[in-house]
């Protein structure tokens, strides 16, 4: 029997156990990440282990959550995390560099590697072909010390994509469609692999949006193949040497297969009070909009924000609407400024946030 993409990565990193769904396995972890809301406790736990340097291939400490200083607490956290990074051999991403998931995708993500992070949306890395999972701070601390990460061997789900997204339909709509199909608990105990001919129409940032939102399904993680699209993204980031092709075997077996035709999707929205309360945007045309928040750890790529700037160009937001835009990284913000799109956003009345 052939292997899925996730099973191939698990097999290459298996320390203990058998790849039998429902049984405990232990994995070697290549990379870790933290952010400042969870990192302080993780590093206090790592210090208590007593190991002089991190033993992963790469560990990164991001400051991206509590960037506004209303007191001394956040500043103290940031200074402590920076000192830990210097002492124990971690990379440190200072406030303003960007959101951990977007920056990690641009700078450090490698197909075929394992990543755990003390943030539930760490599966964003699956967009580039990583086995990336959210974990507790103690799990991250143990992994930084060279210890294994223990999980229950997941089931394997496959989503076959066909067709191509229509204009004004985004990767977020793909995420909402799978939420509509599976619900917020439908992915529990499973890894979701995205495949089919439709995958080739999706960029790495679009794939990352979809894997990021896999967290809302309760899935262990989500993953895309590493293909020519992945290669092009890494080449554009100056990291062509990190490319590794990765695909499932033709005879791989899955516990469930779901088919989605991208060309049939229309703009969707998640309504209160659950991500799987999905309705078509056209059904909500009479709902008054008070606040619009664009960006954060998903939908914050250059392409996402260029689309917003194009919509707003020459216009002003309505008097009763508050609009904030959070670019995913310093790279995205710089490119928006260089091409003039940032001016369009600001002129329309948007507030730009870290």
C-alpha atoms as a PDB file:
ATOM      1  CA  UNK A   1       0.000   0.000   0.000  1.00  0.00           C
ATOM      2  CA  UNK A   2       1.278   3.454  -0.897  1.00  0.00           C
ATOM      3  CA  UNK A   3       1.643   6.341   1.520  1.00  0.00           C
ATOM      4  CA  UNK A   4      -0.016   9.730   1.808  1.00  0.00           C
ATOM      5  CA  UNK A   5       2.125  12.882   2.021  1.00  0.00           C
ATOM      6  CA  UNK A   6       1.680  13.055   5.795  1.00  0.00           C
ATOM      7  CA  UNK A   7       2.482   9.365   6.232  1.00  0.00           C
ATOM      8  CA  UNK A   8       5.733   9.819   4.300  1.00  0.00           C
ATOM      9  CA  UNK A   9       6.823  12.648   6.590  1.00  0.00           C
ATOM     10  CA  UNK A  10       5.729  10.738   9.697  1.00  0.00           C
ATOM     11  CA  UNK A  11       7.621   7.639   8.556  1.00  0.00           C
ATOM     12  CA  UNK A  12      10.784   9.697   8.081  1.00  0.00           C
ATOM     13  CA  UNK A  13      10.468  11.200  11.587  1.00  0.00           C
ATOM     14  CA  UNK A  14       9.064   8.267  13.563  1.00  0.00           C
ATOM     15  CA  UNK A  15      10.876   7.696  16.856  1.00  0.00           C
ATOM     16  CA  UNK A  16       8.423   5.362  18.603  1.00  0.00           C
ATOM     17  CA  UNK A  17       5.227   3.521  17.780  1.00  0.00           C
ATOM     18  CA  UNK A  18       3.554   2.216  14.629  1.00  0.00           C
ATOM     19  CA  UNK A  19       1.707   4.165  11.959  1.00  0.00           C
ATOM     20  CA  UNK A  20      -1.638   2.696  12.928  1.00  0.00           C
ATOM     21  CA  UNK A  21      -4.493   5.159  13.360  1.00  0.00           C
ATOM     22  CA  UNK A  22      -5.511   5.611  16.986  1.00  0.00           C
ATOM     23  CA  UNK A  23      -2.218   4.450  18.526  1.00  0.00           C
ATOM     24  CA  UNK A  24       0.398   6.701  20.125  1.00  0.00           C
ATOM     25  CA  UNK A  25       3.440   7.678  18.104  1.00  0.00           C
ATOM     26  CA  UNK A  26       6.462   9.854  18.802  1.00  0.00           C
ATOM     27  CA  UNK A  27       7.955  12.172  16.191  1.00  0.00           C
ATOM     28  CA  UNK A  28      11.300  13.906  15.812  1.00  0.00           C
ATOM     29  CA  UNK A  29      10.708  17.634  15.399  1.00  0.00           C
ATOM     30  CA  UNK A  30      12.853  19.676  12.993  1.00  0.00           C
ATOM     31  CA  UNK A  31      11.551  23.184  13.737  1.00  0.00           C
ATOM     32  CA  UNK A  32       9.655  25.018  16.486  1.00  0.00           C
ATOM     33  CA  UNK A  33       8.069  28.433  16.736  1.00  0.00           C
ATOM     34  CA  UNK A  34       6.508  30.475  19.508  1.00  0.00           C
ATOM     35  CA  UNK A  35       4.812  33.826  19.725  1.00  0.00           C
ATOM     36  CA  UNK A  36       4.947  36.210  22.659  1.00  0.00           C
ATOM     37  CA  UNK A  37       1.531  35.368  24.135  1.00  0.00           C
ATOM     38  CA  UNK A  38       2.636  31.757  24.672  1.00  0.00           C
ATOM     39  CA  UNK A  39       6.418  31.946  24.364  1.00  0.00           C
ATOM     40  CA  UNK A  40       7.279  33.232  27.836  1.00  0.00           C
ATOM     41  CA  UNK A  41       5.913  30.143  29.583  1.00  0.00           C
ATOM     42  CA  UNK A  42       7.427  27.814  26.964  1.00  0.00           C
ATOM     43  CA  UNK A  43      10.891  29.293  27.509  1.00  0.00           C
ATOM     44  CA  UNK A  44      10.598  29.219  31.307  1.00  0.00           C
ATOM     45  CA  UNK A  45       9.825  25.516  30.917  1.00  0.00           C
ATOM     46  CA  UNK A  46      12.754  25.053  28.532  1.00  0.00           C
ATOM     47  CA  UNK A  47      15.133  26.766  30.970  1.00  0.00           C
ATOM     48  CA  UNK A  48      14.010  24.374  33.722  1.00  0.00           C
ATOM     49  CA  UNK A  49      15.102  21.402  31.575  1.00  0.00           C
ATOM     50  CA  UNK A  50      18.699  22.584  31.906  1.00  0.00           C
ATOM     51  CA  UNK A  51      19.912  22.093  28.320  1.00  0.00           C
ATOM     52  CA  UNK A  52      22.478  24.728  27.207  1.00  0.00           C
ATOM     53  CA  UNK A  53      21.395  25.074  23.525  1.00  0.00           C
ATOM     54  CA  UNK A  54      18.346  24.146  21.459  1.00  0.00           C
ATOM     55  CA  UNK A  55      18.745  20.855  19.598  1.00  0.00           C
ATOM     56  CA  UNK A  56      16.309  21.413  16.745  1.00  0.00           C
ATOM     57  CA  UNK A  57      17.382  22.359  13.232  1.00  0.00           C
ATOM     58  CA  UNK A  58      15.655  25.702  13.774  1.00  0.00           C
ATOM     59  CA  UNK A  59      13.685  27.364  16.559  1.00  0.00           C
ATOM     60  CA  UNK A  60      12.181  30.829  16.141  1.00  0.00           C
ATOM     61  CA  UNK A  61      10.740  33.185  18.756  1.00  0.00           C
ATOM     62  CA  UNK A  62       8.277  35.642  17.213  1.00  0.00           C
ATOM     63  CA  UNK A  63       6.939  38.827  18.788  1.00  0.00           C
ATOM     64  CA  UNK A  64       3.657  39.460  16.986  1.00  0.00           C
ATOM     65  CA  UNK A  65       0.677  39.308  19.363  1.00  0.00           C
ATOM     66  CA  UNK A  66       1.069  41.909  22.118  1.00  0.00           C
ATOM     67  CA  UNK A  67       2.910  44.624  20.208  1.00  0.00           C
ATOM     68  CA  UNK A  68       1.154  47.600  21.847  1.00  0.00           C
ATOM     69  CA  UNK A  69       2.660  48.678  25.171  1.00  0.00           C
ATOM     70  CA  UNK A  70       0.001  49.804  27.638  1.00  0.00           C
ATOM     71  CA  UNK A  71       2.193  48.810  30.583  1.00  0.00           C
ATOM     72  CA  UNK A  72       5.503  47.186  31.432  1.00  0.00           C
ATOM     73  CA  UNK A  73       4.276  43.580  31.180  1.00  0.00           C
ATOM     74  CA  UNK A  74       4.538  43.095  27.407  1.00  0.00           C
ATOM     75  CA  UNK A  75       7.877  44.901  27.224  1.00  0.00           C
ATOM     76  CA  UNK A  76       9.240  42.643  29.976  1.00  0.00           C
ATOM     77  CA  UNK A  77       8.019  39.550  28.116  1.00  0.00           C
ATOM     78  CA  UNK A  78       9.662  40.720  24.901  1.00  0.00           C
ATOM     79  CA  UNK A  79      12.974  41.482  26.589  1.00  0.00           C
ATOM     80  CA  UNK A  80      12.965  38.098  28.328  1.00  0.00           C
ATOM     81  CA  UNK A  81      12.205  36.203  25.099  1.00  0.00           C
ATOM     82  CA  UNK A  82      14.946  38.109  23.276  1.00  0.00           C
ATOM     83  CA  UNK A  83      17.449  37.187  25.997  1.00  0.00           C
ATOM     84  CA  UNK A  84      16.422  33.509  25.817  1.00  0.00           C
ATOM     85  CA  UNK A  85      16.889  33.506  22.043  1.00  0.00           C
ATOM     86  CA  UNK A  86      20.394  34.923  22.380  1.00  0.00           C
ATOM     87  CA  UNK A  87      21.377  32.548  25.181  1.00  0.00           C
ATOM     88  CA  UNK A  88      20.008  29.288  23.774  1.00  0.00           C
ATOM     89  CA  UNK A  89      20.466  29.715  20.016  1.00  0.00           C
ATOM     90  CA  UNK A  90      17.016  30.644  18.702  1.00  0.00           C
ATOM     91  CA  UNK A  91      16.161  33.059  15.915  1.00  0.00           C
ATOM     92  CA  UNK A  92      14.385  36.156  17.250  1.00  0.00           C
ATOM     93  CA  UNK A  93      11.776  38.033  15.213  1.00  0.00           C
ATOM     94  CA  UNK A  94      11.248  41.481  16.696  1.00  0.00           C
ATOM     95  CA  UNK A  95       7.926  43.378  16.779  1.00  0.00           C
ATOM     96  CA  UNK A  96       7.087  44.698  13.319  1.00  0.00           C
ATOM     97  CA  UNK A  97       8.741  41.870  11.374  1.00  0.00           C
ATOM     98  CA  UNK A  98       5.347  40.301  10.905  1.00  0.00           C
ATOM     99  CA  UNK A  99       2.989  37.537  11.943  1.00  0.00           C
ATOM    100  CA  UNK A 100       4.728  34.270  12.843  1.00  0.00           C
ATOM    101  CA  UNK A 101       2.857  32.095  10.330  1.00  0.00           C
ATOM    102  CA  UNK A 102       3.371  34.420   7.365  1.00  0.00           C
ATOM    103  CA  UNK A 103       7.025  35.143   8.184  1.00  0.00           C
ATOM    104  CA  UNK A 104       7.810  31.474   8.800  1.00  0.00           C
ATOM    105  CA  UNK A 105       6.293  30.620   5.425  1.00  0.00           C
ATOM    106  CA  UNK A 106       8.466  33.238   3.715  1.00  0.00           C
ATOM    107  CA  UNK A 107      11.725  32.657   5.552  1.00  0.00           C
ATOM    108  CA  UNK A 108      11.967  29.214   7.133  1.00  0.00           C
ATOM    109  CA  UNK A 109       9.297  26.750   5.984  1.00  0.00           C
ATOM    110  CA  UNK A 110      10.697  23.677   4.195  1.00  0.00           C
ATOM    111  CA  UNK A 111       8.703  20.910   2.471  1.00  0.00           C
ATOM    112  CA  UNK A 112       8.956  17.563   4.242  1.00  0.00           C
ATOM    113  CA  UNK A 113      10.026  19.012   7.602  1.00  0.00           C
ATOM    114  CA  UNK A 114       8.172  18.734  10.917  1.00  0.00           C
ATOM    115  CA  UNK A 115       7.168  21.898  12.787  1.00  0.00           C
ATOM    116  CA  UNK A 116       5.347  22.412  16.059  1.00  0.00           C
ATOM    117  CA  UNK A 117       4.417  25.808  17.433  1.00  0.00           C
ATOM    118  CA  UNK A 118       2.751  27.147  20.551  1.00  0.00           C
ATOM    119  CA  UNK A 119      -0.020  28.631  18.430  1.00  0.00           C
ATOM    120  CA  UNK A 120      -3.061  26.755  17.157  1.00  0.00           C
ATOM    121  CA  UNK A 121      -2.654  28.052  13.597  1.00  0.00           C
ATOM    122  CA  UNK A 122       0.842  26.598  13.116  1.00  0.00           C
ATOM    123  CA  UNK A 123      -0.658  24.224  10.452  1.00  0.00           C
ATOM    124  CA  UNK A 124      -0.291  27.221   8.105  1.00  0.00           C
ATOM    125  CA  UNK A 125       3.072  25.597   7.262  1.00  0.00           C
ATOM    126  CA  UNK A 126       1.181  22.796   5.529  1.00  0.00           C
ATOM    127  CA  UNK A 127       0.704  25.201   2.636  1.00  0.00           C
ATOM    128  CA  UNK A 128       4.352  24.690   1.757  1.00  0.00           C
ATOM    129  CA  UNK A 129       4.353  20.932   2.370  1.00  0.00           C
ATOM    130  CA  UNK A 130       5.371  20.809   6.044  1.00  0.00           C
ATOM    131  CA  UNK A 131       3.868  18.580   8.712  1.00  0.00           C
ATOM    132  CA  UNK A 132       3.073  21.559  10.948  1.00  0.00           C
ATOM    133  CA  UNK A 133       1.080  21.248  14.162  1.00  0.00           C
ATOM    134  CA  UNK A 134      -0.063  23.452  17.004  1.00  0.00           C
ATOM    135  CA  UNK A 135       1.149  22.241  20.393  1.00  0.00           C
ATOM    136  CA  UNK A 136       1.332  23.188  24.055  1.00  0.00           C
ATOM    137  CA  UNK A 137       4.227  25.231  25.371  1.00  0.00           C
ATOM    138  CA  UNK A 138       5.692  22.285  27.291  1.00  0.00           C
ATOM    139  CA  UNK A 139       5.651  20.155  24.119  1.00  0.00           C
ATOM    140  CA  UNK A 140       7.558  22.903  22.312  1.00  0.00           C
ATOM    141  CA  UNK A 141      10.069  23.164  25.160  1.00  0.00           C
ATOM    142  CA  UNK A 142      10.688  19.401  25.085  1.00  0.00           C
ATOM    143  CA  UNK A 143      11.113  19.467  21.295  1.00  0.00           C
ATOM    144  CA  UNK A 144      13.641  22.310  21.576  1.00  0.00           C
ATOM    145  CA  UNK A 145      15.578  20.084  23.964  1.00  0.00           C
ATOM    146  CA  UNK A 146      15.671  17.279  21.409  1.00  0.00           C
ATOM    147  CA  UNK A 147      12.749  15.313  22.825  1.00  0.00           C
ATOM    148  CA  UNK A 148      10.042  13.640  20.761  1.00  0.00           C
ATOM    149  CA  UNK A 149       6.536  14.971  20.207  1.00  0.00           C
ATOM    150  CA  UNK A 150       3.841  12.456  21.120  1.00  0.00           C
ATOM    151  CA  UNK A 151       0.527  12.370  19.270  1.00  0.00           C
ATOM    152  CA  UNK A 152      -2.172   9.871  18.416  1.00  0.00           C
ATOM    153  CA  UNK A 153      -1.590   8.575  14.890  1.00  0.00           C
ATOM    154  CA  UNK A 154      -4.213  10.431  12.845  1.00  0.00           C
ATOM    155  CA  UNK A 155      -6.605   9.134  10.241  1.00  0.00           C
ATOM    156  CA  UNK A 156      -6.050  10.386   6.688  1.00  0.00           C
ATOM    157  CA  UNK A 157      -8.638  12.473   4.825  1.00  0.00           C
ATOM    158  CA  UNK A 158      -8.229  13.565   1.209  1.00  0.00           C
ATOM    159  CA  UNK A 159      -9.907  16.582  -0.396  1.00  0.00           C
ATOM    160  CA  UNK A 160      -9.863  16.346  -4.190  1.00  0.00           C
ATOM    161  CA  UNK A 161     -10.038  19.766  -5.829  1.00  0.00           C
ATOM    162  CA  UNK A 162     -11.161  20.247  -9.413  1.00  0.00           C
ATOM    163  CA  UNK A 163     -11.801  23.369 -11.479  1.00  0.00           C
ATOM    164  CA  UNK A 164     -10.602  26.880 -10.716  1.00  0.00           C
ATOM    165  CA  UNK A 165     -11.794  29.672  -8.425  1.00  0.00           C
ATOM    166  CA  UNK A 166     -14.116  32.210 -10.050  1.00  0.00           C
ATOM    167  CA  UNK A 167     -13.448  35.962  -9.791  1.00  0.00           C
ATOM    168  CA  UNK A 168     -14.192  37.309  -6.279  1.00  0.00           C
ATOM    169  CA  UNK A 169     -14.013  33.817  -4.782  1.00  0.00           C
ATOM    170  CA  UNK A 170     -11.005  33.368  -2.490  1.00  0.00           C
ATOM    171  CA  UNK A 171      -9.081  30.633  -0.713  1.00  0.00           C
ATOM    172  CA  UNK A 172     -10.983  31.580   2.446  1.00  0.00           C
ATOM    173  CA  UNK A 173     -14.155  30.426   0.684  1.00  0.00           C
ATOM    174  CA  UNK A 174     -12.540  27.011   0.165  1.00  0.00           C
ATOM    175  CA  UNK A 175     -11.908  26.857   3.920  1.00  0.00           C
ATOM    176  CA  UNK A 176     -15.481  27.825   4.690  1.00  0.00           C
ATOM    177  CA  UNK A 177     -16.799  25.215   2.256  1.00  0.00           C
ATOM    178  CA  UNK A 178     -14.890  22.405   3.962  1.00  0.00           C
ATOM    179  CA  UNK A 179     -16.129  23.747   7.329  1.00  0.00           C
ATOM    180  CA  UNK A 180     -19.669  23.601   5.968  1.00  0.00           C
ATOM    181  CA  UNK A 181     -19.117  19.979   4.938  1.00  0.00           C
ATOM    182  CA  UNK A 182     -17.262  18.697   8.016  1.00  0.00           C
ATOM    183  CA  UNK A 183     -18.200  21.125  10.866  1.00  0.00           C
ATOM    184  CA  UNK A 184     -15.807  22.379  13.561  1.00  0.00           C
ATOM    185  CA  UNK A 185     -15.348  18.869  14.938  1.00  0.00           C
ATOM    186  CA  UNK A 186     -15.268  16.984  11.642  1.00  0.00           C
ATOM    187  CA  UNK A 187     -11.483  16.980  11.369  1.00  0.00           C
ATOM    188  CA  UNK A 188     -10.706  15.785  14.892  1.00  0.00           C
ATOM    189  CA  UNK A 189      -8.151  12.974  14.855  1.00  0.00           C
ATOM    190  CA  UNK A 190      -7.386  13.419  11.157  1.00  0.00           C
ATOM    191  CA  UNK A 191      -4.845  14.966   8.828  1.00  0.00           C
ATOM    192  CA  UNK A 192      -6.415  16.590   5.790  1.00  0.00           C
ATOM    193  CA  UNK A 193      -4.470  16.310   2.540  1.00  0.00           C
ATOM    194  CA  UNK A 194      -5.438  18.604  -0.314  1.00  0.00           C
ATOM    195  CA  UNK A 195      -4.952  17.255  -3.822  1.00  0.00           C
ATOM    196  CA  UNK A 196      -6.420  16.919  -7.284  1.00  0.00           C
ATOM    197  CA  UNK A 197      -5.904  18.988 -10.436  1.00  0.00           C
ATOM    198  CA  UNK A 198      -7.406  22.072  -8.790  1.00  0.00           C
ATOM    199  CA  UNK A 199      -4.432  22.317  -6.423  1.00  0.00           C
ATOM    200  CA  UNK A 200      -2.263  23.531  -9.307  1.00  0.00           C
ATOM    201  CA  UNK A 201      -4.434  26.678  -9.591  1.00  0.00           C
ATOM    202  CA  UNK A 202      -3.694  27.741  -5.999  1.00  0.00           C
ATOM    203  CA  UNK A 203      -0.650  29.791  -4.955  1.00  0.00           C
ATOM    204  CA  UNK A 204       1.310  29.030  -1.785  1.00  0.00           C
ATOM    205  CA  UNK A 205      -0.341  31.951   0.114  1.00  0.00           C
ATOM    206  CA  UNK A 206      -3.754  30.609  -0.926  1.00  0.00           C
ATOM    207  CA  UNK A 207      -2.772  27.124   0.206  1.00  0.00           C
ATOM    208  CA  UNK A 208      -1.525  28.551   3.498  1.00  0.00           C
ATOM    209  CA  UNK A 209      -4.881  30.251   4.066  1.00  0.00           C
ATOM    210  CA  UNK A 210      -6.600  26.880   3.644  1.00  0.00           C
ATOM    211  CA  UNK A 211      -4.226  24.977   5.944  1.00  0.00           C
ATOM    212  CA  UNK A 212      -4.390  27.793   8.510  1.00  0.00           C
ATOM    213  CA  UNK A 213      -8.172  27.443   8.642  1.00  0.00           C
ATOM    214  CA  UNK A 214      -7.884  23.662   9.031  1.00  0.00           C
ATOM    215  CA  UNK A 215      -7.443  24.456  12.717  1.00  0.00           C
ATOM    216  CA  UNK A 216     -11.135  25.414  12.819  1.00  0.00           C
ATOM    217  CA  UNK A 217     -11.980  21.842  11.721  1.00  0.00           C
ATOM    218  CA  UNK A 218     -10.235  20.419  14.779  1.00  0.00           C
ATOM    219  CA  UNK A 219      -7.802  18.608  12.449  1.00  0.00           C
ATOM    220  CA  UNK A 220      -4.350  17.510  13.614  1.00  0.00           C
ATOM    221  CA  UNK A 221      -3.045  19.437  10.613  1.00  0.00           C
ATOM    222  CA  UNK A 222      -3.611  19.997   6.895  1.00  0.00           C
ATOM    223  CA  UNK A 223      -1.079  19.627   4.100  1.00  0.00           C
ATOM    224  CA  UNK A 224      -0.600  20.375   0.398  1.00  0.00           C
ATOM    225  CA  UNK A 225       1.814  18.700  -2.027  1.00  0.00           C
ATOM    226  CA  UNK A 226       5.175  20.327  -2.682  1.00  0.00           C
ATOM    227  CA  UNK A 227       5.153  20.920  -6.439  1.00  0.00           C
ATOM    228  CA  UNK A 228       6.119  23.427  -9.124  1.00  0.00           C
ATOM    229  CA  UNK A 229       3.972  26.080  -7.392  1.00  0.00           C
ATOM    230  CA  UNK A 230       5.923  25.530  -4.180  1.00  0.00           C
ATOM    231  CA  UNK A 231       9.183  25.670  -6.147  1.00  0.00           C
ATOM    232  CA  UNK A 232       8.221  29.005  -7.719  1.00  0.00           C
ATOM    233  CA  UNK A 233       7.340  30.484  -4.307  1.00  0.00           C
ATOM    234  CA  UNK A 234      10.630  29.403  -2.730  1.00  0.00           C
ATOM    235  CA  UNK A 235      12.564  30.693  -5.727  1.00  0.00           C
ATOM    236  CA  UNK A 236      10.846  34.088  -5.437  1.00  0.00           C
ATOM    237  CA  UNK A 237      11.874  34.167  -1.760  1.00  0.00           C
ATOM    238  CA  UNK A 238      15.492  33.405  -2.642  1.00  0.00           C
ATOM    239  CA  UNK A 239      15.242  29.940  -1.055  1.00  0.00           C
ATOM    240  CA  UNK A 240      15.213  27.675  -4.090  1.00  0.00           C
ATOM    241  CA  UNK A 241      17.643  25.308  -2.347  1.00  0.00           C
ATOM    242  CA  UNK A 242      14.969  24.442   0.216  1.00  0.00           C
ATOM    243  CA  UNK A 243      12.632  22.940  -2.381  1.00  0.00           C
ATOM    244  CA  UNK A 244      11.850  19.231  -2.147  1.00  0.00           C
ATOM    245  CA  UNK A 245       9.113  17.653  -4.310  1.00  0.00           C
ATOM    246  CA  UNK A 246       6.524  15.824  -2.242  1.00  0.00           C
ATOM    247  CA  UNK A 247       3.396  13.962  -3.346  1.00  0.00           C
ATOM    248  CA  UNK A 248       1.241  11.064  -2.169  1.00  0.00           C
ATOM    249  CA  UNK A 249       1.546   7.684  -3.843  1.00  0.00           C
ATOM    250  CA  UNK A 250      -1.059   6.825  -6.460  1.00  0.00           C
ATOM    251  CA  UNK A 251      -2.217   3.855  -4.391  1.00  0.00           C
ATOM    252  CA  UNK A 252      -2.334   5.663  -1.044  1.00  0.00           C
ATOM    253  CA  UNK A 253      -5.445   4.877   0.975  1.00  0.00           C
ATOM    254  CA  UNK A 254      -7.608   7.388   2.829  1.00  0.00           C
ATOM    255  CA  UNK A 255     -10.240   7.043   5.535  1.00  0.00           C
ATOM    256  CA  UNK A 256     -12.430   9.604   3.778  1.00  0.00           C
ATOM    257  CA  UNK A 257     -12.374  11.351   0.402  1.00  0.00           C
ATOM    258  CA  UNK A 258     -14.194  14.627  -0.243  1.00  0.00           C
ATOM    259  CA  UNK A 259     -14.628  16.241  -3.669  1.00  0.00           C
ATOM    260  CA  UNK A 260     -14.861  20.014  -4.134  1.00  0.00           C
ATOM    261  CA  UNK A 261     -15.260  21.731  -7.518  1.00  0.00           C
ATOM    262  CA  UNK A 262     -13.606  25.141  -7.089  1.00  0.00           C
ATOM    263  CA  UNK A 263     -15.534  26.593 -10.039  1.00  0.00           C
ATOM    264  CA  UNK A 264     -18.873  26.069  -8.233  1.00  0.00           C
ATOM    265  CA  UNK A 265     -17.894  27.984  -5.089  1.00  0.00           C
ATOM    266  CA  UNK A 266     -19.301  31.439  -4.387  1.00  0.00           C
ATOM    267  CA  UNK A 267     -18.350  34.013  -1.723  1.00  0.00           C
ATOM    268  CA  UNK A 268     -19.151  32.647   1.737  1.00  0.00           C
ATOM    269  CA  UNK A 269     -19.215  34.030   5.259  1.00  0.00           C
ATOM    270  CA  UNK A 270     -18.979  32.484   8.718  1.00  0.00           C
ATOM    271  CA  UNK A 271     -21.685  33.915  10.958  1.00  0.00           C
ATOM    272  CA  UNK A 272     -21.888  34.097  14.764  1.00  0.00           C
ATOM    273  CA  UNK A 273     -21.111  32.215  16.806  1.00  0.00           C
ATOM    274  CA  UNK A 274     -19.196  29.418  15.096  1.00  0.00           C
ATOM    275  CA  UNK A 275     -16.869  29.145  12.082  1.00  0.00           C
ATOM    276  CA  UNK A 276     -19.095  26.433  10.601  1.00  0.00           C
ATOM    277  CA  UNK A 277     -22.231  28.615  10.591  1.00  0.00           C
ATOM    278  CA  UNK A 278     -21.724  29.234   6.882  1.00  0.00           C
ATOM    279  CA  UNK A 279     -23.932  31.379   4.679  1.00  0.00           C
ATOM    280  CA  UNK A 280     -23.543  32.760   1.165  1.00  0.00           C
ATOM    281  CA  UNK A 281     -22.517  36.423   1.156  1.00  0.00           C
ATOM    282  CA  UNK A 282     -25.523  37.290  -1.015  1.00  0.00           C
ATOM    283  CA  UNK A 283     -27.850  36.083   1.756  1.00  0.00           C
ATOM    284  CA  UNK A 284     -26.459  38.771   4.070  1.00  0.00           C
ATOM    285  CA  UNK A 285     -26.658  41.776   1.752  1.00  0.00           C
ATOM    286  CA  UNK A 286     -29.004  43.594   4.144  1.00  0.00           C
ATOM    287  CA  UNK A 287     -26.648  43.303   7.153  1.00  0.00           C
ATOM    288  CA  UNK A 288     -25.074  46.625   8.137  1.00  0.00           C
ATOM    289  CA  UNK A 289     -21.278  46.538   8.331  1.00  0.00           C
ATOM    290  CA  UNK A 290     -19.681  48.434  11.239  1.00  0.00           C
ATOM    291  CA  UNK A 291     -16.136  47.094  11.259  1.00  0.00           C
ATOM    292  CA  UNK A 292     -13.876  45.448   8.690  1.00  0.00           C
ATOM    293  CA  UNK A 293     -10.601  43.784   9.741  1.00  0.00           C
ATOM    294  CA  UNK A 294      -8.423  42.541   6.891  1.00  0.00           C
ATOM    295  CA  UNK A 295      -5.285  40.474   7.320  1.00  0.00           C
ATOM    296  CA  UNK A 296      -3.813  38.896  10.462  1.00  0.00           C
ATOM    297  CA  UNK A 297      -2.477  35.311  10.265  1.00  0.00           C
ATOM    298  CA  UNK A 298      -4.515  34.500   7.155  1.00  0.00           C
ATOM    299  CA  UNK A 299      -5.508  36.641   4.155  1.00  0.00           C
ATOM    300  CA  UNK A 300      -2.545  38.935   4.792  1.00  0.00           C
ATOM    301  CA  UNK A 301      -0.384  38.139   1.749  1.00  0.00           C
ATOM    302  CA  UNK A 302       0.590  40.662  -0.916  1.00  0.00           C
ATOM    303  CA  UNK A 303      -2.031  39.353  -3.361  1.00  0.00           C
ATOM    304  CA  UNK A 304      -4.784  39.595  -0.717  1.00  0.00           C
ATOM    305  CA  UNK A 305      -3.987  43.211   0.106  1.00  0.00           C
ATOM    306  CA  UNK A 306      -3.419  44.270  -3.517  1.00  0.00           C
ATOM    307  CA  UNK A 307      -6.981  43.139  -4.182  1.00  0.00           C
ATOM    308  CA  UNK A 308      -8.248  45.282  -1.294  1.00  0.00           C
ATOM    309  CA  UNK A 309      -6.256  48.290  -2.510  1.00  0.00           C
ATOM    310  CA  UNK A 310      -7.665  47.898  -6.020  1.00  0.00           C
ATOM    311  CA  UNK A 311     -11.223  47.872  -4.660  1.00  0.00           C
ATOM    312  CA  UNK A 312     -10.613  50.998  -2.543  1.00  0.00           C
ATOM    313  CA  UNK A 313      -8.619  53.002  -5.085  1.00  0.00           C
ATOM    314  CA  UNK A 314     -10.243  56.415  -5.541  1.00  0.00           C
ATOM    315  CA  UNK A 315     -12.920  55.685  -2.942  1.00  0.00           C
ATOM    316  CA  UNK A 316     -13.486  56.505   0.737  1.00  0.00           C
ATOM    317  CA  UNK A 317     -14.883  54.092   3.289  1.00  0.00           C
ATOM    318  CA  UNK A 318     -18.372  54.847   4.614  1.00  0.00           C
ATOM    319  CA  UNK A 319     -18.569  57.230   7.612  1.00  0.00           C
ATOM    320  CA  UNK A 320     -19.892  54.548   9.960  1.00  0.00           C
ATOM    321  CA  UNK A 321     -17.280  51.907   9.103  1.00  0.00           C
ATOM    322  CA  UNK A 322     -13.953  51.230  10.832  1.00  0.00           C
ATOM    323  CA  UNK A 323     -11.412  49.549   8.537  1.00  0.00           C
ATOM    324  CA  UNK A 324      -8.130  48.072   9.768  1.00  0.00           C
ATOM    325  CA  UNK A 325      -5.523  46.277   7.651  1.00  0.00           C
ATOM    326  CA  UNK A 326      -2.852  43.994   9.125  1.00  0.00           C
ATOM    327  CA  UNK A 327      -0.154  43.063   6.570  1.00  0.00           C
ATOM    328  CA  UNK A 328       1.314  39.620   7.227  1.00  0.00           C
ATOM    329  CA  UNK A 329       4.954  40.641   7.186  1.00  0.00           C
ATOM    330  CA  UNK A 330       7.389  43.492   6.735  1.00  0.00           C
ATOM    331  CA  UNK A 331       8.017  42.134   3.231  1.00  0.00           C
ATOM    332  CA  UNK A 332       4.328  42.465   2.353  1.00  0.00           C
ATOM    333  CA  UNK A 333       4.143  45.987   3.808  1.00  0.00           C
ATOM    334  CA  UNK A 334       7.282  47.086   1.955  1.00  0.00           C
ATOM    335  CA  UNK A 335       5.980  45.771  -1.376  1.00  0.00           C
ATOM    336  CA  UNK A 336       2.622  47.494  -0.807  1.00  0.00           C
ATOM    337  CA  UNK A 337       4.501  50.757  -0.222  1.00  0.00           C
ATOM    338  CA  UNK A 338       6.783  50.316  -3.242  1.00  0.00           C
ATOM    339  CA  UNK A 339       3.911  49.780  -5.682  1.00  0.00           C
ATOM    340  CA  UNK A 340       1.688  52.562  -4.324  1.00  0.00           C
ATOM    341  CA  UNK A 341      -1.056  50.276  -3.012  1.00  0.00           C
ATOM    342  CA  UNK A 342      -0.380  51.365   0.570  1.00  0.00           C
ATOM    343  CA  UNK A 343      -1.242  54.941  -0.371  1.00  0.00           C
ATOM    344  CA  UNK A 344      -4.555  53.736  -1.828  1.00  0.00           C
ATOM    345  CA  UNK A 345      -5.405  51.976   1.441  1.00  0.00           C
ATOM    346  CA  UNK A 346      -4.490  54.973   3.597  1.00  0.00           C
ATOM    347  CA  UNK A 347      -6.257  57.466   1.331  1.00  0.00           C
ATOM    348  CA  UNK A 348      -9.455  55.411   1.537  1.00  0.00           C
ATOM    349  CA  UNK A 349      -9.418  55.646   5.331  1.00  0.00           C
ATOM    350  CA  UNK A 350      -7.843  52.343   6.346  1.00  0.00           C
ATOM    351  CA  UNK A 351      -5.735  52.082   9.497  1.00  0.00           C
ATOM    352  CA  UNK A 352      -2.568  50.022   9.114  1.00  0.00           C
ATOM    353  CA  UNK A 353      -1.790  47.789  12.112  1.00  0.00           C
ATOM    354  CA  UNK A 354       1.247  45.713  13.081  1.00  0.00           C
END
